[in-house]
PDB file of N, CA and C in Angstrom:
ATOM      1  N   UNK A   1      16.665  -4.509  20.989  1.00  0.00           N
ATOM      2  CA  UNK A   1      17.153  -3.188  20.624  1.00  0.00           C
ATOM      3  C   UNK A   1      17.385  -3.133  19.113  1.00  0.00           C
ATOM      4  N   UNK A   2      16.928  -2.078  18.502  1.00  0.00           N
ATOM      5  CA  UNK A   2      17.088  -1.941  17.054  1.00  0.00           C
ATOM      6  C   UNK A   2      18.417  -1.266  16.734  1.00  0.00           C
ATOM      7  N   UNK A   3      19.050  -1.652  15.619  1.00  0.00           N
ATOM      8  CA  UNK A   3      20.387  -1.131  15.291  1.00  0.00           C
ATOM      9  C   UNK A   3      20.386   0.178  14.517  1.00  0.00           C
ATOM     10  N   UNK A   4      19.297   0.920  14.550  1.00  0.00           N
ATOM     11  CA  UNK A   4      19.241   2.177  13.808  1.00  0.00           C
ATOM     12  C   UNK A   4      18.443   3.217  14.579  1.00  0.00           C
ATOM     13  N   UNK A   5      18.632   4.466  14.192  1.00  0.00           N
ATOM     14  CA  UNK A   5      17.851   5.583  14.708  1.00  0.00           C
ATOM     15  C   UNK A   5      17.232   6.276  13.500  1.00  0.00           C
ATOM     16  N   UNK A   6      15.979   6.658  13.624  1.00  0.00           N
ATOM     17  CA  UNK A   6      15.289   7.358  12.542  1.00  0.00           C
ATOM     18  C   UNK A   6      15.020   8.782  13.008  1.00  0.00           C
ATOM     19  N   UNK A   7      15.532   9.744  12.263  1.00  0.00           N
ATOM     20  CA  UNK A   7      15.290  11.142  12.615  1.00  0.00           C
ATOM     21  C   UNK A   7      13.934  11.581  12.060  1.00  0.00           C
ATOM     22  N   UNK A   8      13.464  12.707  12.566  1.00  0.00           N
ATOM     23  CA  UNK A   8      12.197  13.253  12.073  1.00  0.00           C
ATOM     24  C   UNK A   8      12.287  13.639  10.601  1.00  0.00           C
ATOM     25  N   UNK A   9      13.486  13.961  10.129  1.00  0.00           N
ATOM     26  CA  UNK A   9      13.676  14.313   8.719  1.00  0.00           C
ATOM     27  C   UNK A   9      13.659  13.069   7.825  1.00  0.00           C
ATOM     28  N   UNK A  10      14.146  11.961   8.333  1.00  0.00           N
ATOM     29  CA  UNK A  10      14.206  10.716   7.556  1.00  0.00           C
ATOM     30  C   UNK A  10      12.862   9.997   7.504  1.00  0.00           C
ATOM     31  N   UNK A  11      12.072  10.123   8.551  1.00  0.00           N
ATOM     32  CA  UNK A  11      10.856   9.331   8.671  1.00  0.00           C
ATOM     33  C   UNK A  11       9.871   9.506   7.517  1.00  0.00           C
ATOM     34  N   UNK A  12       9.568  10.715   7.043  1.00  0.00           N
ATOM     35  CA  UNK A  12       8.606  10.824   5.936  1.00  0.00           C
ATOM     36  C   UNK A  12       9.028  10.038   4.692  1.00  0.00           C
ATOM     37  N   UNK A  13      10.322   9.990   4.414  1.00  0.00           N
ATOM     38  CA  UNK A  13      10.814   9.248   3.248  1.00  0.00           C
ATOM     39  C   UNK A  13      10.649   7.744   3.471  1.00  0.00           C
ATOM     40  N   UNK A  14      11.056   7.265   4.631  1.00  0.00           N
ATOM     41  CA  UNK A  14      10.940   5.833   4.941  1.00  0.00           C
ATOM     42  C   UNK A  14       9.467   5.428   5.008  1.00  0.00           C
ATOM     43  N   UNK A  15       8.644   6.271   5.572  1.00  0.00           N
ATOM     44  CA  UNK A  15       7.205   6.001   5.666  1.00  0.00           C
ATOM     45  C   UNK A  15       6.595   5.841   4.277  1.00  0.00           C
ATOM     46  N   UNK A  16       6.951   6.723   3.364  1.00  0.00           N
ATOM     47  CA  UNK A  16       6.444   6.640   1.996  1.00  0.00           C
ATOM     48  C   UNK A  16       6.889   5.339   1.326  1.00  0.00           C
ATOM     49  N   UNK A  17       8.123   4.951   1.549  1.00  0.00           N
ATOM     50  CA  UNK A  17       8.625   3.690   0.987  1.00  0.00           C
ATOM     51  C   UNK A  17       7.837   2.502   1.541  1.00  0.00           C
ATOM     52  N   UNK A  18       7.565   2.518   2.842  1.00  0.00           N
ATOM     53  CA  UNK A  18       6.790   1.430   3.450  1.00  0.00           C
ATOM     54  C   UNK A  18       5.369   1.397   2.895  1.00  0.00           C
ATOM     55  N   UNK A  19       4.764   2.574   2.713  1.00  0.00           N
ATOM     56  CA  UNK A  19       3.408   2.622   2.156  1.00  0.00           C
ATOM     57  C   UNK A  19       3.371   2.110   0.720  1.00  0.00           C
ATOM     58  N   UNK A  20       4.405   2.363  -0.044  1.00  0.00           N
ATOM     59  CA  UNK A  20       4.463   1.859  -1.413  1.00  0.00           C
ATOM     60  C   UNK A  20       4.582   0.337  -1.445  1.00  0.00           C
ATOM     61  N   UNK A  21       5.347  -0.211  -0.515  1.00  0.00           N
ATOM     62  CA  UNK A  21       5.551  -1.661  -0.492  1.00  0.00           C
ATOM     63  C   UNK A  21       4.369  -2.387   0.158  1.00  0.00           C
ATOM     64  N   UNK A  22       3.818  -1.797   1.213  1.00  0.00           N
ATOM     65  CA  UNK A  22       2.721  -2.417   1.968  1.00  0.00           C
ATOM     66  C   UNK A  22       1.536  -1.464   1.969  1.00  0.00           C
ATOM     67  N   UNK A  23       0.722  -1.536   0.940  1.00  0.00           N
ATOM     68  CA  UNK A  23      -0.378  -0.590   0.744  1.00  0.00           C
ATOM     69  C   UNK A  23      -1.474  -0.687   1.799  1.00  0.00           C
ATOM     70  N   UNK A  24      -1.539  -1.782   2.524  1.00  0.00           N
ATOM     71  CA  UNK A  24      -2.585  -1.941   3.520  1.00  0.00           C
ATOM     72  C   UNK A  24      -2.222  -1.364   4.892  1.00  0.00           C
ATOM     73  N   UNK A  25      -1.042  -0.767   5.025  1.00  0.00           N
ATOM     74  CA  UNK A  25      -0.672  -0.143   6.297  1.00  0.00           C
ATOM     75  C   UNK A  25      -1.451   1.155   6.485  1.00  0.00           C
ATOM     76  N   UNK A  26      -1.861   1.410   7.708  1.00  0.00           N
ATOM     77  CA  UNK A  26      -2.607   2.627   8.015  1.00  0.00           C
ATOM     78  C   UNK A  26      -1.686   3.663   8.647  1.00  0.00           C
ATOM     79  N   UNK A  27      -2.212   4.860   8.805  1.00  0.00           N
ATOM     80  CA  UNK A  27      -1.460   5.918   9.486  1.00  0.00           C
ATOM     81  C   UNK A  27      -1.145   5.503  10.926  1.00  0.00           C
ATOM     82  N   UNK A  28      -2.073   4.808  11.568  1.00  0.00           N
ATOM     83  CA  UNK A  28      -1.845   4.336  12.939  1.00  0.00           C
ATOM     84  C   UNK A  28      -0.706   3.320  12.983  1.00  0.00           C
ATOM     85  N   UNK A  29      -0.636   2.443  11.966  1.00  0.00           N
ATOM     86  CA  UNK A  29       0.451   1.464  11.904  1.00  0.00           C
ATOM     87  C   UNK A  29       1.802   2.157  11.779  1.00  0.00           C
ATOM     88  N   UNK A  30       1.813   3.296  11.095  1.00  0.00           N
ATOM     89  CA  UNK A  30       3.060   4.002  10.810  1.00  0.00           C
ATOM     90  C   UNK A  30       3.289   5.207  11.715  1.00  0.00           C
ATOM     91  N   UNK A  31       2.542   5.293  12.795  1.00  0.00           N
ATOM     92  CA  UNK A  31       2.745   6.386  13.746  1.00  0.00           C
ATOM     93  C   UNK A  31       4.131   6.254  14.357  1.00  0.00           C
ATOM     94  N   UNK A  32       4.875   7.354  14.352  1.00  0.00           N
ATOM     95  CA  UNK A  32       6.248   7.302  14.839  1.00  0.00           C
ATOM     96  C   UNK A  32       6.666   8.661  15.385  1.00  0.00           C
ATOM     97  N   UNK A  33       7.358   8.620  16.508  1.00  0.00           N
ATOM     98  CA  UNK A  33       8.007   9.801  17.066  1.00  0.00           C
ATOM     99  C   UNK A  33       9.456   9.421  17.290  1.00  0.00           C
ATOM    100  N   UNK A  34      10.337  10.369  17.084  1.00  0.00           N
ATOM    101  CA  UNK A  34      11.764  10.111  17.214  1.00  0.00           C
ATOM    102  C   UNK A  34      12.074   9.454  18.562  1.00  0.00           C
ATOM    103  N   UNK A  35      12.853   8.377  18.513  1.00  0.00           N
ATOM    104  CA  UNK A  35      13.216   7.639  19.718  1.00  0.00           C
ATOM    105  C   UNK A  35      12.332   6.433  19.987  1.00  0.00           C
ATOM    106  N   UNK A  36      11.294   6.228  19.195  1.00  0.00           N
ATOM    107  CA  UNK A  36      10.374   5.105  19.407  1.00  0.00           C
ATOM    108  C   UNK A  36      10.536   4.028  18.343  1.00  0.00           C
ATOM    109  N   UNK A  37      11.770   3.778  17.950  1.00  0.00           N
ATOM    110  CA  UNK A  37      12.035   2.773  16.922  1.00  0.00           C
ATOM    111  C   UNK A  37      11.580   1.380  17.352  1.00  0.00           C
ATOM    112  N   UNK A  38      11.806   1.054  18.598  1.00  0.00           N
ATOM    113  CA  UNK A  38      11.446  -0.276  19.109  1.00  0.00           C
ATOM    114  C   UNK A  38       9.946  -0.524  18.984  1.00  0.00           C
ATOM    115  N   UNK A  39       9.143   0.462  19.373  1.00  0.00           N
ATOM    116  CA  UNK A  39       7.695   0.326  19.288  1.00  0.00           C
ATOM    117  C   UNK A  39       7.239   0.198  17.836  1.00  0.00           C
ATOM    118  N   UNK A  40       7.858   0.977  16.952  1.00  0.00           N
ATOM    119  CA  UNK A  40       7.525   0.917  15.533  1.00  0.00           C
ATOM    120  C   UNK A  40       7.806  -0.473  14.965  1.00  0.00           C
ATOM    121  N   UNK A  41       8.981  -1.009  15.254  1.00  0.00           N
ATOM    122  CA  UNK A  41       9.353  -2.332  14.743  1.00  0.00           C
ATOM    123  C   UNK A  41       8.388  -3.395  15.254  1.00  0.00           C
ATOM    124  N   UNK A  42       8.083  -3.363  16.528  1.00  0.00           N
ATOM    125  CA  UNK A  42       7.165  -4.364  17.094  1.00  0.00           C
ATOM    126  C   UNK A  42       5.773  -4.264  16.472  1.00  0.00           C
ATOM    127  N   UNK A  43       5.272  -3.048  16.301  1.00  0.00           N
ATOM    128  CA  UNK A  43       3.953  -2.840  15.714  1.00  0.00           C
ATOM    129  C   UNK A  43       3.909  -3.326  14.263  1.00  0.00           C
ATOM    130  N   UNK A  44       4.935  -2.986  13.478  1.00  0.00           N
ATOM    131  CA  UNK A  44       4.967  -3.412  12.077  1.00  0.00           C
ATOM    132  C   UNK A  44       5.137  -4.919  11.947  1.00  0.00           C
ATOM    133  N   UNK A  45       5.944  -5.516  12.815  1.00  0.00           N
ATOM    134  CA  UNK A  45       6.128  -6.970  12.774  1.00  0.00           C
ATOM    135  C   UNK A  45       4.792  -7.674  12.999  1.00  0.00           C
ATOM    136  N   UNK A  46       4.040  -7.201  13.964  1.00  0.00           N
ATOM    137  CA  UNK A  46       2.732  -7.795  14.255  1.00  0.00           C
ATOM    138  C   UNK A  46       1.764  -7.554  13.100  1.00  0.00           C
ATOM    139  N   UNK A  47       1.709  -6.327  12.598  1.00  0.00           N
ATOM    140  CA  UNK A  47       0.768  -5.965  11.525  1.00  0.00           C
ATOM    141  C   UNK A  47       1.076  -6.689  10.216  1.00  0.00           C
ATOM    142  N   UNK A  48       2.373  -6.836   9.896  1.00  0.00           N
ATOM    143  CA  UNK A  48       2.772  -7.477   8.641  1.00  0.00           C
ATOM    144  C   UNK A  48       2.899  -8.991   8.775  1.00  0.00           C
ATOM    145  N   UNK A  49       2.740  -9.487   9.999  1.00  0.00           N
ATOM    146  CA  UNK A  49       2.868 -10.906  10.277  1.00  0.00           C
ATOM    147  C   UNK A  49       4.255 -11.421   9.856  1.00  0.00           C
ATOM    148  N   UNK A  50       5.265 -10.656  10.212  1.00  0.00           N
ATOM    149  CA  UNK A  50       6.669 -10.975   9.929  1.00  0.00           C
ATOM    150  C   UNK A  50       7.444 -10.939  11.236  1.00  0.00           C
ATOM    151  N   UNK A  51       8.666 -11.470  11.225  1.00  0.00           N
ATOM    152  CA  UNK A  51       9.473 -11.406  12.436  1.00  0.00           C
ATOM    153  C   UNK A  51      10.186 -10.054  12.524  1.00  0.00           C
ATOM    154  N   UNK A  52      10.691  -9.758  13.702  1.00  0.00           N
ATOM    155  CA  UNK A  52      11.353  -8.471  13.954  1.00  0.00           C
ATOM    156  C   UNK A  52      12.554  -8.261  13.037  1.00  0.00           C
ATOM    157  N   UNK A  53      13.309  -9.318  12.798  1.00  0.00           N
ATOM    158  CA  UNK A  53      14.505  -9.215  11.968  1.00  0.00           C
ATOM    159  C   UNK A  53      14.157  -8.759  10.551  1.00  0.00           C
ATOM    160  N   UNK A  54      13.052  -9.241  10.018  1.00  0.00           N
ATOM    161  CA  UNK A  54      12.620  -8.841   8.680  1.00  0.00           C
ATOM    162  C   UNK A  54      12.276  -7.350   8.661  1.00  0.00           C
ATOM    163  N   UNK A  55      11.547  -6.886   9.662  1.00  0.00           N
ATOM    164  CA  UNK A  55      11.152  -5.479   9.722  1.00  0.00           C
ATOM    165  C   UNK A  55      12.383  -4.593   9.904  1.00  0.00           C
ATOM    166  N   UNK A  56      13.302  -5.004  10.761  1.00  0.00           N
ATOM    167  CA  UNK A  56      14.539  -4.248  10.959  1.00  0.00           C
ATOM    168  C   UNK A  56      15.321  -4.173   9.655  1.00  0.00           C
ATOM    169  N   UNK A  57      15.435  -5.291   8.942  1.00  0.00           N
ATOM    170  CA  UNK A  57      16.131  -5.316   7.655  1.00  0.00           C
ATOM    171  C   UNK A  57      15.459  -4.372   6.663  1.00  0.00           C
ATOM    172  N   UNK A  58      14.133  -4.412   6.591  1.00  0.00           N
ATOM    173  CA  UNK A  58      13.386  -3.598   5.640  1.00  0.00           C
ATOM    174  C   UNK A  58      13.565  -2.104   5.924  1.00  0.00           C
ATOM    175  N   UNK A  59      13.448  -1.709   7.174  1.00  0.00           N
ATOM    176  CA  UNK A  59      13.618  -0.296   7.525  1.00  0.00           C
ATOM    177  C   UNK A  59      15.069   0.140   7.304  1.00  0.00           C
ATOM    178  N   UNK A  60      16.013  -0.709   7.683  1.00  0.00           N
ATOM    179  CA  UNK A  60      17.426  -0.388   7.476  1.00  0.00           C
ATOM    180  C   UNK A  60      17.735  -0.191   6.005  1.00  0.00           C
ATOM    181  N   UNK A  61      17.146  -1.019   5.174  1.00  0.00           N
ATOM    182  CA  UNK A  61      17.338  -0.894   3.730  1.00  0.00           C
ATOM    183  C   UNK A  61      16.787   0.436   3.233  1.00  0.00           C
ATOM    184  N   UNK A  62      15.641   0.852   3.735  1.00  0.00           N
ATOM    185  CA  UNK A  62      15.066   2.136   3.356  1.00  0.00           C
ATOM    186  C   UNK A  62      15.903   3.311   3.823  1.00  0.00           C
ATOM    187  N   UNK A  63      16.507   3.180   4.983  1.00  0.00           N
ATOM    188  CA  UNK A  63      17.351   4.240   5.522  1.00  0.00           C
ATOM    189  C   UNK A  63      18.689   4.340   4.795  1.00  0.00           C
ATOM    190  N   UNK A  64      19.147   3.231   4.231  1.00  0.00           N
ATOM    191  CA  UNK A  64      20.477   3.212   3.616  1.00  0.00           C
ATOM    192  C   UNK A  64      20.570   4.109   2.391  1.00  0.00           C
ATOM    193  N   UNK A  65      19.483   4.276   1.655  1.00  0.00           N
ATOM    194  CA  UNK A  65      19.492   5.132   0.475  1.00  0.00           C
ATOM    195  C   UNK A  65      18.181   5.913   0.416  1.00  0.00           C
ATOM    196  N   UNK A  66      18.162   7.043   1.085  1.00  0.00           N
ATOM    197  CA  UNK A  66      16.936   7.840   1.176  1.00  0.00           C
ATOM    198  C   UNK A  66      16.545   8.464  -0.158  1.00  0.00           C
ATOM    199  N   UNK A  67      17.477   8.600  -1.076  1.00  0.00           N
ATOM    200  CA  UNK A  67      17.180   9.225  -2.359  1.00  0.00           C
ATOM    201  C   UNK A  67      16.523   8.247  -3.344  1.00  0.00           C
ATOM    202  N   UNK A  68      16.654   6.968  -3.082  1.00  0.00           N
ATOM    203  CA  UNK A  68      16.071   5.965  -3.945  1.00  0.00           C
ATOM    204  C   UNK A  68      14.596   5.781  -3.605  1.00  0.00           C
ATOM    205  N   UNK A  69      13.795   5.462  -4.608  1.00  0.00           N
ATOM    206  CA  UNK A  69      12.379   5.189  -4.374  1.00  0.00           C
ATOM    207  C   UNK A  69      12.133   3.751  -3.978  1.00  0.00           C
ATOM    208  N   UNK A  70      13.148   2.921  -4.051  1.00  0.00           N
ATOM    209  CA  UNK A  70      12.982   1.500  -3.759  1.00  0.00           C
ATOM    210  C   UNK A  70      13.197   1.193  -2.306  1.00  0.00           C
ATOM    211  N   UNK A  71      12.562   0.124  -1.871  1.00  0.00           N
ATOM    212  CA  UNK A  71      12.737  -0.351  -0.494  1.00  0.00           C
ATOM    213  C   UNK A  71      13.281  -1.742  -0.521  1.00  0.00           C
TER     214      UNK A  71
END
């Protein structure tokens, strides 16, 4: 279970941050609908070849300050 919820309003900002950090991610990798955080984390962990905790940390960091351009 992931410790965060991503709203439809937050997702475009977080998605842009992820694309800036990981330029090789595709639209399919970043496909997301509200309530599917678990699927997103699992897909990104596999695609980035990282563990779930790293992906959760990265997304949480992006959510913590939506006004910042940094991830």
